[in-house]
Structures are given as C-alpha cells and as structure tokens.
C-alpha cells in the first residue's frame, strides 16, 4: 500500500482575474475549489492512475471537514487526524497576468496529535511506500521527517521525500527510496547554479552518495533526469503541450513514477509515466486525468 502524508492540507480557492489591480475591487472571471496539499495531490493522481493509496495528515475545523469530505468523494481512502482547535487553511491562488498566491497558516499541531500520527505510521508493513512531501508547518518540529524515517528504518518501507534544502538533506542518512528535487533546488542545496545536464547529474550523484537510492530531478520544460540505484542515468524530454498550470505538477510526477514502478518494476518506464503525468497536470487547469496521461505517455 502507498501512504501519503499531508501535514497542512488546504482548501485551494483558485480564481481567474483578467488584470489584477492592487488597491481596487477585482472581479473574478472563473473560480474553482481544490483540496490541496502535496500528499493529497499525490493520492489524487494515483487514484486517477488506478493505484490505491491512503491519505494521512491533520485536519481541523469546518475547512478540515470540507477537505476530508472532498478527498473521500474523489475515491481516496483517508485516515486524517482531527485537531481539536483551529481550522485547516484556505489558500487563495490568483491566475492573472501573473500567478499570485496567498497561503494560510493552518492550525497548531499538538504533541498528542503527532503521537497519533506516529501510531498510524507504526502500522505500515514491509513493502509499503510512504510519501513525505512539502514544507513543515511552524507548529511541527523541524526534524519531523527525520523522526519518522528513523522510526520506520527497520521496517523496509520505501520512503519518498519531495522536499527542499535541509529538510531533504537531513534525511538522506536514512536512505530514502526516492527524492525529487528540481534543478534549481538541487543547485541551492550546494550553493551553485547548475547550467548543464552534466552538472545536474554530477550534483544528483552527490545526493546519492549521501544516501538517496534514486534521485529524480525535474527540469520543467527541459524534461527530467533520473539517477537510479544501480548507477544508470536516464534523461527524458517532455511531450508537446501548452503549460496552463504549475500547481501539483511535481506531485503528479511523483505519483506517476510510483505507479509506473509498481506496474513494471522498471525505472525507465517509471520515469516515462512520471514525466507524462507531471506534464498532464502542467497542461491542464487542474490535476492530470487518466486520458491525458496516457495520450502524453504515447508521445514519449
């Protein structure tokens, strides 16, 4: 089974505004609500690819109830922890001449709630996969990823980490199955600007030397690079299409990679489906659909 963790889920209120003007009343041209959070995005796209998962995380208040209800309506199994106080956040994403975002803070996550999450994670079994994605809310300890991975280290669980900077670097000693920085994040970790694929591969291998089993580096319109645990390096371009949406493309790539690997046990095929899935979200208003994913996969 695949488990995803979303520490700070959100209602994403996405609005279109023809020309956003600060200091004035702006009228929307379109509106939509999505149930957001990187782990939830991974679970949603896995469901679209006909792969089951269980979504874990914390919810609170009426917004938390709406998130849980909406995620369940998508056909995803949830096992959220309900916090007694506060409310899950609302993120406002404005699509105009430029994309702008106003992200809420979210509720306080107590020590008792963290222990409840640990109890749930203790039920994972050998062969299960766990996706840890995104930043950490201020109310969580900064080493929460490390504490989770240390706790599960002896269980032979595939842990996938999609995070940045120290949050990612500090867990490499626990040998995550997959990490997915983009090329800019990879450079930031080492204080360099990476300009060529050769440089990207070189620094990706440094992350592997530090403990990561497989390193997947996304490069937006320039495609992606996978350095697998056997030492093979795969480079994949992107299919043709017009980018409409940047939200969730990286999460979709992770979901596609996991689904592809589960289907074929082959890293190159996993990269192909991951690339198609990430592109399908980038070319859509929302998250990728099965039909779009399969169409783009054929192009690769």
Protein backbone atom coordinates (compact mmCIF):
# COMPACT_ATOMS: atom_id res chain seq x y z
CA UNK A 1 0.00 0.00 0.00
CA UNK A 2 1.07 3.58 -0.65
CA UNK A 3 0.55 6.11 2.15
CA UNK A 4 0.79 9.87 1.70
CA UNK A 5 1.21 12.42 4.48
CA UNK A 6 -0.10 15.98 4.20
CA UNK A 7 0.85 17.88 7.33
CA UNK A 8 -1.00 21.07 6.41
CA UNK A 9 -3.86 20.38 3.95
CA UNK A 10 -5.77 23.28 2.45
CA UNK A 11 -8.79 24.33 0.51
CA UNK A 12 -7.23 25.86 -2.59
CA UNK A 13 -9.50 28.65 -3.86
CA UNK A 14 -8.33 29.27 -7.42
CA UNK A 15 -9.64 32.39 -9.15
CA UNK A 16 -9.07 33.95 -12.54
CA UNK A 17 -8.80 37.74 -12.72
CA UNK A 18 -8.37 39.42 -16.10
CA UNK A 19 -5.98 42.12 -14.83
CA UNK A 20 -5.24 42.08 -11.10
CA UNK A 21 -5.02 45.65 -9.79
CA UNK A 22 -3.89 46.17 -6.20
CA UNK A 23 -5.93 48.63 -4.13
CA UNK A 24 -9.09 48.15 -6.21
CA UNK A 25 -12.03 45.75 -6.37
CA UNK A 26 -11.21 42.92 -8.78
CA UNK A 27 -13.93 40.71 -10.31
CA UNK A 28 -13.20 37.06 -10.98
CA UNK A 29 -13.70 35.54 -14.40
CA UNK A 30 -13.61 31.96 -13.13
CA UNK A 31 -13.44 30.17 -9.81
CA UNK A 32 -12.70 26.65 -8.56
CA UNK A 33 -12.01 24.93 -5.26
CA UNK A 34 -9.50 22.09 -4.93
CA UNK A 35 -8.48 20.01 -1.95
CA UNK A 36 -4.83 20.90 -1.70
CA UNK A 37 -1.63 19.67 -0.17
CA UNK A 38 1.22 17.81 -1.80
CA UNK A 39 0.37 14.44 -0.27
CA UNK A 40 -3.30 14.79 -1.23
CA UNK A 41 -2.24 15.67 -4.78
CA UNK A 42 -0.15 12.50 -4.96
CA UNK A 43 -3.07 10.40 -3.70
CA UNK A 44 -5.48 12.05 -6.16
CA UNK A 45 -3.27 11.37 -9.17
CA UNK A 46 -2.55 7.82 -8.00
CA UNK A 47 -6.33 7.28 -7.90
CA UNK A 48 -6.58 8.60 -11.46
CA UNK A 49 -3.92 6.04 -12.44
CA UNK A 50 -5.98 3.31 -10.72
CA UNK A 51 -3.48 2.87 -7.88
CA UNK A 52 -4.88 2.86 -4.35
CA UNK A 53 -3.39 4.87 -1.51
CA UNK A 54 -4.29 6.04 1.99
CA UNK A 55 -4.06 9.76 2.75
CA UNK A 56 -2.79 10.67 6.23
CA UNK A 57 -2.45 14.09 7.78
CA UNK A 58 -4.07 16.64 10.08
CA UNK A 59 -7.37 18.50 9.61
CA UNK A 60 -9.25 20.98 11.78
CA UNK A 61 -12.48 22.96 11.86
CA UNK A 62 -15.12 23.35 9.13
CA UNK A 63 -12.46 23.65 6.45
CA UNK A 64 -10.91 20.41 7.63
CA UNK A 65 -14.30 18.71 7.41
CA UNK A 66 -14.69 20.01 3.86
CA UNK A 67 -11.22 18.74 2.89
CA UNK A 68 -11.89 15.28 4.30
CA UNK A 69 -15.31 15.08 2.64
CA UNK A 70 -13.93 16.27 -0.69
CA UNK A 71 -10.98 13.87 -0.66
CA UNK A 72 -13.29 10.96 0.15
CA UNK A 73 -15.60 11.99 -2.72
CA UNK A 74 -12.57 11.65 -5.01
CA UNK A 75 -12.49 7.98 -4.02
CA UNK A 76 -9.41 8.27 -1.82
CA UNK A 77 -9.22 6.42 1.49
CA UNK A 78 -8.42 8.87 4.28
CA UNK A 79 -7.16 8.40 7.82
CA UNK A 80 -6.79 12.01 8.92
CA UNK A 81 -6.19 13.11 12.50
CA UNK A 82 -8.77 15.67 13.67
CA UNK A 83 -7.30 18.52 15.68
CA UNK A 84 -9.47 19.94 18.46
CA UNK A 85 -8.76 23.61 17.79
CA UNK A 86 -8.17 25.91 14.83
CA UNK A 87 -9.07 25.35 11.20
CA UNK A 88 -7.37 23.95 8.16
CA UNK A 89 -6.06 26.69 5.94
CA UNK A 90 -7.50 28.31 2.84
CA UNK A 91 -5.03 29.16 0.08
CA UNK A 92 -6.04 31.76 -2.49
CA UNK A 93 -4.38 31.28 -5.88
CA UNK A 94 -4.87 34.11 -8.33
CA UNK A 95 -4.37 33.50 -12.04
CA UNK A 96 -4.00 36.79 -13.88
CA UNK A 97 -1.22 38.37 -15.96
CA UNK A 98 0.98 36.61 -13.39
CA UNK A 99 0.21 33.87 -10.87
CA UNK A 100 -0.01 35.03 -7.25
CA UNK A 101 -0.76 33.09 -4.07
CA UNK A 102 -1.90 33.91 -0.55
CA UNK A 103 -1.40 30.85 1.64
CA UNK A 104 -2.96 30.41 5.08
CA UNK A 105 -1.02 29.30 8.16
CA UNK A 106 -3.08 26.33 9.28
CA UNK A 107 -3.86 25.07 12.80
CA UNK A 108 -1.49 24.27 15.65
CA UNK A 109 -0.45 20.61 15.66
CA UNK A 110 -0.01 19.38 19.22
CA UNK A 111 2.43 16.80 20.57
CA UNK A 112 -0.52 14.50 21.21
CA UNK A 113 -1.55 14.74 17.56
CA UNK A 114 1.99 13.97 16.42
CA UNK A 115 1.98 10.84 18.60
CA UNK A 116 -1.29 9.77 16.97
CA UNK A 117 0.40 10.09 13.57
CA UNK A 118 3.34 8.01 14.78
CA UNK A 119 0.90 5.34 15.95
CA UNK A 120 -0.65 5.18 12.50
CA UNK A 121 2.75 5.02 10.80
CA UNK A 122 3.76 2.17 13.11
CA UNK A 123 1.13 0.05 11.32
CA UNK A 124 2.97 0.21 7.97
CA UNK A 125 4.44 -3.06 6.78
CA UNK A 126 7.44 -4.17 4.75
CA UNK A 127 6.92 -3.33 1.09
CA UNK A 128 4.63 -0.36 1.79
CA UNK A 129 5.51 3.07 0.40
CA UNK A 130 5.31 6.37 2.29
CA UNK A 131 5.30 9.76 0.56
CA UNK A 132 6.56 12.70 2.64
CA UNK A 133 6.13 15.89 0.66
CA UNK A 134 6.24 19.60 1.19
CA UNK A 135 7.28 22.09 3.82
CA UNK A 136 6.72 21.74 7.56
CA UNK A 137 4.19 23.94 9.40
CA UNK A 138 5.73 26.14 12.10
CA UNK A 139 3.94 24.18 14.82
CA UNK A 140 5.75 20.94 13.92
CA UNK A 141 9.33 20.16 14.98
CA UNK A 142 11.77 20.89 12.18
CA UNK A 143 13.13 17.33 12.33
CA UNK A 144 9.75 15.61 11.89
CA UNK A 145 10.81 13.94 8.62
CA UNK A 146 13.92 12.57 10.32
CA UNK A 147 11.95 11.30 13.29
CA UNK A 148 9.50 9.49 11.00
CA UNK A 149 12.22 7.88 8.91
CA UNK A 150 14.26 6.87 11.94
CA UNK A 151 11.18 5.28 13.46
CA UNK A 152 10.47 3.25 10.30
CA UNK A 153 14.08 2.46 9.42
CA UNK A 154 13.95 -1.25 10.29
CA UNK A 155 10.66 -1.91 8.50
CA UNK A 156 11.96 -1.91 4.90
CA UNK A 157 9.43 0.68 3.76
CA UNK A 158 10.00 2.67 0.57
CA UNK A 159 10.08 6.31 1.65
CA UNK A 160 9.70 9.01 -1.00
CA UNK A 161 10.75 12.52 0.01
CA UNK A 162 9.80 15.58 -2.03
CA UNK A 163 11.23 18.47 -0.02
CA UNK A 164 13.91 21.13 -0.28
CA UNK A 165 17.18 22.20 1.32
CA UNK A 166 17.90 20.96 4.86
CA UNK A 167 14.56 19.17 5.10
CA UNK A 168 15.77 16.88 2.33
CA UNK A 169 19.49 16.83 3.09
CA UNK A 170 18.93 15.81 6.72
CA UNK A 171 17.01 12.63 5.80
CA UNK A 172 19.50 11.25 3.29
CA UNK A 173 21.24 9.25 6.00
CA UNK A 174 18.08 7.14 6.26
CA UNK A 175 18.42 6.13 2.58
CA UNK A 176 15.06 7.22 1.11
CA UNK A 177 13.86 5.18 -1.87
CA UNK A 178 13.28 8.30 -3.99
CA UNK A 179 13.91 12.02 -3.73
CA UNK A 180 12.67 14.58 -6.25
CA UNK A 181 14.37 17.97 -6.23
CA UNK A 182 14.10 20.22 -9.27
CA UNK A 183 17.27 21.51 -10.88
CA UNK A 184 17.08 24.88 -9.09
CA UNK A 185 16.54 23.26 -5.69
CA UNK A 186 19.44 20.92 -6.38
CA UNK A 187 21.74 23.86 -7.05
CA UNK A 188 20.53 25.71 -3.94
CA UNK A 189 21.46 22.75 -1.75
CA UNK A 190 25.09 23.08 -2.80
CA UNK A 191 25.21 26.84 -3.32
CA UNK A 192 25.75 26.63 -7.08
CA UNK A 193 23.88 27.48 -10.27
CA UNK A 194 23.58 24.41 -12.49
CA UNK A 195 23.64 25.20 -16.20
CA UNK A 196 24.19 21.87 -17.97
CA UNK A 197 22.78 18.37 -17.71
CA UNK A 198 26.28 17.13 -16.89
CA UNK A 199 26.43 19.45 -13.86
CA UNK A 200 22.93 18.40 -12.79
CA UNK A 201 23.87 14.72 -12.99
CA UNK A 202 27.10 15.33 -11.09
CA UNK A 203 25.32 17.02 -8.18
CA UNK A 204 22.48 14.50 -8.29
CA UNK A 205 25.08 11.78 -7.74
CA UNK A 206 26.32 13.70 -4.70
CA UNK A 207 22.86 13.28 -3.16
CA UNK A 208 23.08 9.60 -3.98
CA UNK A 209 26.49 9.40 -2.29
CA UNK A 210 24.85 10.96 0.78
CA UNK A 211 22.26 8.17 0.94
CA UNK A 212 19.44 8.61 -1.57
CA UNK A 213 18.72 5.42 -3.53
CA UNK A 214 17.08 7.05 -6.56
CA UNK A 215 17.32 10.74 -7.49
CA UNK A 216 14.67 12.19 -9.81
CA UNK A 217 15.43 15.74 -10.94
CA UNK A 218 12.66 17.67 -12.68
CA UNK A 219 13.65 20.49 -15.03
CA UNK A 220 10.30 21.97 -16.17
CA UNK A 221 10.33 22.39 -19.95
CA UNK A 222 13.76 20.75 -20.22
CA UNK A 223 12.42 17.39 -19.05
CA UNK A 224 13.85 15.29 -16.24
CA UNK A 225 16.82 13.19 -15.22
CA UNK A 226 16.75 10.00 -13.16
CA UNK A 227 19.82 8.53 -11.48
CA UNK A 228 18.75 5.09 -10.32
CA UNK A 229 20.19 2.97 -7.54
CA UNK A 230 22.09 0.73 -9.97
CA UNK A 231 24.01 3.70 -11.40
CA UNK A 232 22.01 4.11 -14.62
CA UNK A 233 21.20 7.64 -15.76
CA UNK A 234 18.06 8.32 -17.81
CA UNK A 235 17.18 11.61 -19.47
CA UNK A 236 13.62 12.27 -20.60
CA UNK A 237 12.24 15.19 -22.60
CA UNK A 238 8.71 16.50 -22.25
CA UNK A 239 5.78 15.93 -24.62
CA UNK A 240 4.37 18.81 -26.63
CA UNK A 241 1.77 20.97 -24.95
CA UNK A 242 0.92 24.39 -23.55
CA UNK A 243 1.61 24.98 -19.87
CA UNK A 244 -1.54 26.18 -18.09
CA UNK A 245 -0.86 25.27 -14.50
CA UNK A 246 2.19 24.89 -12.27
CA UNK A 247 0.35 23.69 -9.15
CA UNK A 248 0.70 19.97 -8.50
CA UNK A 249 2.90 19.11 -11.48
CA UNK A 250 5.75 17.88 -9.27
CA UNK A 251 3.36 15.89 -7.08
CA UNK A 252 1.87 14.36 -10.22
CA UNK A 253 5.32 13.35 -11.39
CA UNK A 254 5.92 11.54 -8.10
CA UNK A 255 2.56 9.77 -8.40
CA UNK A 256 3.26 8.75 -12.00
CA UNK A 257 6.71 7.47 -11.11
CA UNK A 258 5.35 5.35 -8.25
CA UNK A 259 2.52 3.99 -10.40
CA UNK A 260 4.92 3.22 -13.24
CA UNK A 261 7.37 1.45 -10.96
CA UNK A 262 4.59 -0.55 -9.30
CA UNK A 263 3.35 -1.61 -12.74
CA UNK A 264 6.68 -2.52 -14.37
CA UNK A 265 9.40 -2.68 -11.68
CA UNK A 266 11.45 -0.78 -14.26
CA UNK A 267 12.97 2.63 -13.54
CA UNK A 268 12.97 3.86 -17.13
CA UNK A 269 9.28 3.04 -17.53
CA UNK A 270 8.60 4.70 -14.17
CA UNK A 271 10.33 7.85 -15.40
CA UNK A 272 8.30 7.78 -18.60
CA UNK A 273 4.97 7.59 -16.78
CA UNK A 274 6.14 10.15 -14.21
CA UNK A 275 7.08 12.59 -16.97
CA UNK A 276 3.78 12.08 -18.78
CA UNK A 277 1.81 12.53 -15.57
CA UNK A 278 3.63 15.68 -14.49
CA UNK A 279 3.17 17.14 -17.97
CA UNK A 280 -0.53 16.21 -18.00
CA UNK A 281 -1.08 18.34 -14.90
CA UNK A 282 1.03 21.20 -16.27
CA UNK A 283 -1.09 21.19 -19.45
CA UNK A 284 -4.41 21.14 -17.54
CA UNK A 285 -6.37 23.57 -15.38
CA UNK A 286 -6.36 21.06 -12.50
CA UNK A 287 -4.68 17.75 -11.79
CA UNK A 288 -3.98 15.26 -14.56
CA UNK A 289 -6.67 12.95 -15.92
CA UNK A 290 -6.06 9.36 -16.94
CA UNK A 291 -6.86 10.04 -20.61
CA UNK A 292 -4.43 12.95 -20.86
CA UNK A 293 -1.69 10.99 -19.08
CA UNK A 294 -1.99 8.04 -21.45
CA UNK A 295 -2.06 10.31 -24.51
CA UNK A 296 1.16 12.04 -23.43
CA UNK A 297 2.79 8.76 -22.46
CA UNK A 298 2.40 7.57 -26.03
CA UNK A 299 4.33 10.65 -27.21
CA UNK A 300 7.32 9.55 -25.13
